[in-house]
Amino acid sequence: MAPACGITPDMAEQGTQGSGVTVVEHPLILVKLSAMRDAKTESREFRRKLGEVATLMVTEVARNLETIPRPVQTPLAPFEGRRLARPIILAPILRAGLGMAEGMQHVLSDVSIGHIGMFRNEETLRPESYYFKLPAHLAQAEVIVVDPMLATGWSACAAIAELKKHGATRIRFACIVSCPEGIAQLRAAHPDVHIFTASIDDGLNEKGYIVPGLGDAGDRYFGTHP
């Protein structure tokens, strides 16, 4: 299968940044993601590992956030510290995005949370929206859209289009597992949105699931899989 945007699956092993995509390289992510992929991993452990991977990814996702001076007084002397220039909004795509948002909040504690409700029509493989609720300061914020899987890319594209329609201008997308097809779709529709992922897998099967992937992240996270 031909890679999209010059990206190949083995870049997940190497770590890369370019073409609007960053593969977050960390040995602990590789180990925890391997456990998530294992079909024998039960929901409780899957939830824990998903949150841990999201926590490990967040420093890379937030690496280039703009900061401004914040003078502070240490116990010994004045110090020219820093604070974020803009507020952060985490915007999980329901359901499975909730797990990533929870993991990222271990580091990004002072954030607002929005919710984007979408489900995939299993016949058309296209997203259908059922809920959208974001904070009022959306236009002034750095928005991090999170969803464990970037498969066909349609849900991510629709979510980001809705965010832009409501005024968001600074958006980045974070997922755990992606594939060339989803990356190409999202980059074509929203070239201004940088993608952060822990792995770029081989591609999609006939049902639109990432292979090798980890199955349906929402079902495995909430224990609703068969």
Protein backbone atom coordinates (compact mmCIF):
# COMPACT_ATOMS: atom_id res chain seq x y z
CA MET A 1 0.00 0.00 0.00
CA ALA A 2 1.44 3.35 -1.01
CA PRO A 3 2.14 5.71 1.91
CA ALA A 4 0.49 9.12 2.11
CA CYS A 5 2.37 12.39 2.49
CA GLY A 6 5.72 10.58 2.30
CA ILE A 7 4.96 8.71 5.54
CA THR A 8 5.65 5.03 6.03
CA PRO A 9 4.47 2.80 8.90
CA ASP A 10 7.99 2.09 10.14
CA MET A 11 8.37 5.78 11.04
CA ALA A 12 6.54 4.88 14.24
CA GLU A 13 9.68 3.02 15.24
CA GLN A 14 12.02 5.85 14.23
CA GLY A 15 10.24 9.00 15.35
CA THR A 16 9.62 11.70 12.75
CA GLN A 17 8.30 15.18 12.24
CA GLY A 18 7.38 16.56 8.86
CA SER A 19 4.60 16.92 6.31
CA GLY A 20 2.36 18.15 9.10
CA VAL A 21 2.68 14.89 11.03
CA THR A 22 4.66 14.05 14.16
CA VAL A 23 5.11 10.45 15.28
CA VAL A 24 5.75 10.62 19.01
CA GLU A 25 8.65 8.30 19.73
CA HIS A 26 9.09 6.85 23.22
CA PRO A 27 9.98 3.32 24.34
CA LEU A 28 7.27 3.35 27.00
CA ILE A 29 4.69 4.26 24.37
CA LEU A 30 5.78 1.31 22.23
CA VAL A 31 5.47 -1.06 25.20
CA LYS A 32 2.10 0.23 26.37
CA LEU A 33 0.68 0.38 22.86
CA SER A 34 1.71 -3.24 22.32
CA ALA A 35 -0.36 -4.20 25.36
CA MET A 36 -3.31 -2.21 23.99
CA ARG A 37 -3.09 -4.06 20.68
CA ASP A 38 -3.22 -7.46 22.38
CA ALA A 39 -6.71 -8.94 21.96
CA LYS A 40 -6.32 -10.61 25.38
CA THR A 41 -5.99 -7.25 27.17
CA GLU A 42 -9.19 -6.62 29.15
CA SER A 43 -11.03 -3.29 29.31
CA ARG A 44 -9.65 -2.22 32.69
CA GLU A 45 -6.06 -2.61 31.54
CA PHE A 46 -6.86 -1.15 28.11
CA ARG A 47 -8.27 1.99 29.78
CA ARG A 48 -5.21 2.35 31.96
CA LYS A 49 -2.78 1.95 29.08
CA LEU A 50 -4.69 4.36 26.84
CA GLY A 51 -4.55 7.05 29.53
CA GLU A 52 -0.85 6.43 30.10
CA VAL A 53 0.00 6.69 26.40
CA ALA A 54 -1.97 9.94 26.15
CA THR A 55 -0.07 11.30 29.16
CA LEU A 56 3.25 10.39 27.57
CA MET A 57 2.26 12.02 24.28
CA VAL A 58 1.07 15.34 25.69
CA THR A 59 4.45 17.03 26.08
CA GLU A 60 5.14 16.54 22.37
CA VAL A 61 1.63 17.65 21.41
CA ALA A 62 2.13 20.84 23.45
CA ARG A 63 5.79 21.38 22.54
CA ASN A 64 5.38 24.56 20.46
CA LEU A 65 2.63 26.26 22.43
CA GLU A 66 3.41 29.95 22.72
CA THR A 67 4.36 31.34 26.13
CA ILE A 68 4.63 34.88 27.49
CA PRO A 69 6.51 36.33 30.48
CA ARG A 70 5.20 35.75 34.00
CA PRO A 71 7.29 37.43 36.72
CA VAL A 72 7.40 35.42 39.95
CA GLN A 73 9.13 35.73 43.28
CA THR A 74 11.06 32.66 44.36
CA PRO A 75 12.01 32.23 48.04
CA LEU A 76 15.34 33.87 47.14
CA ALA A 77 14.87 36.32 44.26
CA PRO A 78 12.63 37.60 41.49
CA PHE A 79 12.44 35.38 38.43
CA GLU A 80 11.16 35.94 34.89
CA GLY A 81 8.94 32.90 34.47
CA ARG A 82 6.58 31.93 31.65
CA ARG A 83 2.89 31.21 31.23
CA LEU A 84 0.86 30.02 28.27
CA ALA A 85 -0.17 32.81 25.91
CA ARG A 86 -3.61 31.31 25.29
CA PRO A 87 -5.97 28.96 27.13
CA ILE A 88 -6.16 25.32 26.09
CA ILE A 89 -9.30 23.42 25.19
CA LEU A 90 -9.25 19.63 24.98
CA ALA A 91 -11.89 18.46 22.52
CA PRO A 92 -12.37 14.67 22.64
CA ILE A 93 -14.38 13.01 19.88
CA LEU A 94 -16.87 10.79 21.73
CA ARG A 95 -16.72 8.11 22.91
CA ALA A 96 -13.16 6.93 22.88
CA GLY A 97 -11.60 10.40 22.89
CA LEU A 98 -12.63 10.74 26.53
CA GLY A 99 -9.89 8.34 27.55
CA MET A 100 -7.19 10.40 25.85
CA ALA A 101 -8.53 13.62 27.34
CA GLU A 102 -8.43 12.11 30.81
CA GLY A 103 -4.82 11.00 30.35
CA MET A 104 -3.72 14.40 29.04
CA GLN A 105 -5.27 16.18 32.00
CA HIS A 106 -2.59 14.68 34.25
CA VAL A 107 -0.27 17.24 32.62
CA LEU A 108 -2.71 19.80 31.22
CA SER A 109 -4.62 20.31 34.45
CA ASP A 110 -5.71 23.90 33.79
CA VAL A 111 -7.78 23.30 30.66
CA SER A 112 -11.37 23.46 29.52
CA ILE A 113 -13.07 20.40 28.04
CA GLY A 114 -15.37 20.37 25.04
CA HIS A 115 -17.24 17.39 23.64
CA ILE A 116 -17.79 16.40 20.03
CA GLY A 117 -20.25 13.55 19.59
CA MET A 118 -19.93 11.54 16.40
CA PHE A 119 -20.50 7.94 15.43
CA ARG A 120 -19.51 6.10 12.30
CA ASN A 121 -22.21 4.79 10.00
CA GLU A 122 -20.97 1.24 9.42
CA GLU A 123 -22.47 1.14 5.93
CA THR A 124 -21.17 4.42 4.53
CA LEU A 125 -18.15 4.68 6.89
CA ARG A 126 -19.02 8.38 7.19
CA PRO A 127 -19.52 10.21 10.51
CA GLU A 128 -22.88 11.27 11.84
CA SER A 129 -22.96 14.09 14.41
CA TYR A 130 -25.14 13.98 17.50
CA TYR A 131 -23.54 16.43 19.95
CA PHE A 132 -21.29 19.51 19.92
CA LYS A 133 -20.53 21.53 23.06
CA LEU A 134 -17.42 23.71 23.34
CA PRO A 135 -16.46 26.53 25.73
CA ALA A 136 -17.32 30.11 24.80
CA HIS A 137 -13.66 31.13 24.43
CA LEU A 138 -13.10 28.70 21.54
CA ALA A 139 -11.82 31.40 19.17
CA GLN A 140 -9.13 32.53 21.62
CA ALA A 141 -7.90 29.06 22.59
CA GLU A 142 -5.43 26.45 21.50
CA VAL A 143 -7.65 23.48 20.68
CA ILE A 144 -6.40 19.90 20.92
CA VAL A 145 -8.77 17.45 19.26
CA VAL A 146 -8.24 13.91 20.55
CA ASP A 147 -9.41 10.54 19.28
CA PRO A 148 -7.46 7.28 19.72
CA MET A 149 -7.91 6.24 16.08
CA LEU A 150 -7.37 8.10 12.81
CA ALA A 151 -8.77 5.56 10.35
CA THR A 152 -10.68 6.89 7.33
CA GLY A 153 -10.20 10.42 8.63
CA TRP A 154 -13.81 11.43 8.02
CA SER A 155 -14.73 11.89 11.70
CA ALA A 156 -11.64 13.98 12.41
CA CYS A 157 -12.27 16.13 9.32
CA ALA A 158 -15.92 16.69 10.25
CA ALA A 159 -15.08 17.53 13.87
CA ILE A 160 -12.42 20.04 12.85
CA ALA A 161 -14.71 21.61 10.25
CA GLU A 162 -17.33 22.13 12.95
CA LEU A 163 -14.75 23.66 15.28
CA LYS A 164 -13.65 26.10 12.59
CA LYS A 165 -17.27 26.99 11.86
CA HIS A 166 -17.63 27.98 15.52
CA GLY A 167 -14.51 30.16 15.47
CA ALA A 168 -11.54 27.92 16.32
CA THR A 169 -8.36 28.99 14.52
CA ARG A 170 -5.59 27.14 16.38
CA ILE A 171 -6.22 23.42 16.17
CA ARG A 172 -4.03 20.35 16.49
CA PHE A 173 -5.09 16.70 16.32
CA ALA A 174 -3.75 13.90 18.51
CA CYS A 175 -4.40 10.18 18.14
CA ILE A 176 -2.73 6.98 19.24
CA VAL A 177 -2.98 4.85 16.09
CA SER A 178 -3.28 6.21 12.54
CA CYS A 179 -2.85 5.00 8.98
CA PRO A 180 -1.76 6.57 5.68
CA GLU A 181 -5.34 6.87 4.37
CA GLY A 182 -6.58 8.80 7.40
CA ILE A 183 -3.54 11.05 7.45
CA ALA A 184 -3.94 11.86 3.77
CA GLN A 185 -7.64 12.63 4.22
CA LEU A 186 -7.09 14.93 7.20
CA ARG A 187 -4.09 16.70 5.67
CA ALA A 188 -6.00 17.32 2.43
CA ALA A 189 -9.04 18.73 4.20
CA HIS A 190 -7.21 20.70 6.91
CA PRO A 191 -3.56 21.29 5.98
CA ASP A 192 -3.25 23.82 8.80
CA VAL A 193 -3.90 21.16 11.47
CA HIS A 194 -0.82 19.31 12.70
CA ILE A 195 -1.27 15.61 13.44
CA PHE A 196 0.37 13.86 16.39
CA THR A 197 0.26 10.07 16.52
CA ALA A 198 1.99 7.26 18.38
CA SER A 199 1.93 4.90 15.39
CA ILE A 200 1.27 4.87 11.65
CA ASP A 201 -0.08 1.42 10.83
CA ASP A 202 -0.23 -0.36 7.48
CA GLY A 203 -3.69 0.72 6.29
CA LEU A 204 -7.40 -0.05 6.35
CA ASN A 205 -9.30 -3.28 5.82
CA GLU A 206 -12.52 -3.57 3.80
CA LYS A 207 -14.57 -2.46 6.82
CA GLY A 208 -12.53 0.70 7.36
CA TYR A 209 -10.65 -0.54 10.43
CA ILE A 210 -6.95 0.10 10.91
CA VAL A 211 -4.70 -2.96 10.40
CA PRO A 212 -2.99 -4.20 12.50
CA GLY A 213 -4.59 -1.56 14.74
CA LEU A 214 -6.12 -2.45 18.08
CA GLY A 215 -9.77 -3.06 17.23
CA ASP A 216 -12.58 -0.67 18.13
CA ALA A 217 -11.04 1.64 20.74
CA GLY A 218 -14.41 2.78 22.09
CA ASP A 219 -15.74 -0.73 22.56
CA ARG A 220 -12.54 -1.92 24.19
CA TYR A 221 -12.31 1.13 26.45
CA PHE A 222 -15.91 0.90 27.68
CA GLY A 223 -16.15 -2.89 27.68
CA THR A 224 -18.89 -3.02 25.05
CA HIS A 225 -17.03 -5.18 22.53
CA PRO A 226 -18.38 -8.68 21.80
